[in-house]
Protein backbone atom coordinates (compact mmCIF):
# COMPACT_ATOMS: atom_id res chain seq x y z
CA MET A 1 90.16 104.11 88.25
CA ALA A 2 90.61 100.35 88.45
CA ARG A 3 87.63 98.21 87.57
CA GLU A 4 86.55 95.22 89.59
CA PRO A 5 87.48 91.89 87.97
CA ILE A 6 84.74 89.82 86.45
CA ASP A 7 84.05 86.54 88.17
CA ALA A 8 86.50 83.86 87.14
CA VAL A 9 85.23 80.42 86.21
CA GLY A 10 87.62 79.02 88.78
CA ALA A 11 91.11 79.69 90.02
CA TRP A 12 93.77 78.08 87.86
CA ARG A 13 97.33 77.32 88.85
CA ILE A 14 99.42 79.04 86.22
CA VAL A 15 103.15 78.97 85.51
CA LEU A 16 104.30 82.03 83.60
CA VAL A 17 107.77 81.89 82.05
CA GLU A 18 108.90 85.26 80.67
CA ASP A 19 112.31 86.91 80.58
CA ASP A 20 110.98 90.47 80.17
CA ASP A 21 110.33 91.91 83.62
CA ASP A 22 107.59 94.36 82.58
CA ALA A 23 105.66 91.82 80.51
CA ARG A 24 105.90 89.17 83.23
CA GLN A 25 104.80 91.50 86.02
CA THR A 26 101.92 92.97 84.02
CA LEU A 27 100.54 89.59 82.98
CA GLN A 28 100.98 88.17 86.49
CA GLU A 29 99.05 91.07 88.02
CA LEU A 30 96.27 90.76 85.45
CA LEU A 31 95.90 87.01 86.00
CA GLU A 32 95.93 87.42 89.79
CA LEU A 33 93.28 90.14 89.49
CA TYR A 34 91.04 87.45 87.99
CA GLY A 35 91.71 85.15 90.94
CA HIS A 36 94.33 82.81 89.52
CA GLN A 37 97.37 81.52 91.41
CA VAL A 38 100.40 82.55 89.34
CA LEU A 39 103.98 81.42 89.70
CA ALA A 40 105.95 83.84 87.53
CA VAL A 41 109.44 82.71 86.60
CA ARG A 42 112.05 85.02 85.09
CA ASP A 43 114.00 82.67 82.92
CA THR A 44 115.93 82.36 79.69
CA GLY A 45 114.32 79.01 78.92
CA LEU A 46 116.56 76.45 80.56
CA ASN A 47 114.99 76.24 84.02
CA GLY A 48 111.43 77.45 83.48
CA PHE A 49 109.68 74.43 84.95
CA ALA A 50 112.08 73.91 87.86
CA ALA A 51 109.73 75.90 90.11
CA VAL A 52 106.56 73.98 89.24
CA PRO A 53 106.57 71.74 92.37
CA GLU A 54 106.33 74.91 94.51
CA LEU A 55 103.08 75.77 92.76
CA ARG A 56 101.30 72.45 93.11
CA PRO A 57 103.29 69.89 95.11
CA ASP A 58 100.54 67.26 94.95
CA VAL A 59 100.59 67.16 91.13
CA ALA A 60 103.75 68.72 89.69
CA ILE A 61 101.83 69.95 86.63
CA PRO A 62 100.13 73.36 86.46
CA ASP A 63 96.65 73.83 85.03
CA VAL A 64 98.07 76.29 82.51
CA ALA A 65 101.57 77.21 81.35
CA ILE A 66 102.16 80.50 79.58
CA LEU A 67 105.53 80.47 77.87
CA ASP A 68 107.43 83.17 76.05
CA VAL A 69 108.15 81.84 72.56
CA GLY A 70 111.15 84.15 72.23
CA LEU A 71 113.32 83.24 75.22
CA PRO A 72 117.05 83.89 74.64
CA LYS A 73 118.38 80.34 75.16
CA MET A 74 115.35 78.22 74.36
CA ASN A 75 111.99 79.11 72.88
CA GLY A 76 108.66 78.24 74.48
CA PHE A 77 108.06 75.43 72.02
CA GLN A 78 111.35 73.75 72.97
CA LEU A 79 110.64 74.29 76.66
CA THR A 80 107.48 72.18 76.40
CA GLY A 81 109.38 69.26 74.87
C-alpha cells in the first residue's frame, strides 16, 4: 500500500539527467510524489541542459539539478562545467 507523501517544504523545479530509464523514472516519480516539478531528461551527457528553458522559461536555471555522474559521453561533473 502506498503511503501519503510528507509535506514538502516547497515545490522545487528539478532537472534530472539520467541515461538509465528505470533509475530516471523511479526518481522522477518519487520527487513528484513529494510535490516537485521534475523535468527528466534521458541523455548521454551532451544535451542534458538543452531542455531547461522548458522547465522555467523566466529564469533558465532550475532550483536543483540531479546529474548522473556516470553518463556514457560526459560525466555529471563535466556537464556542470
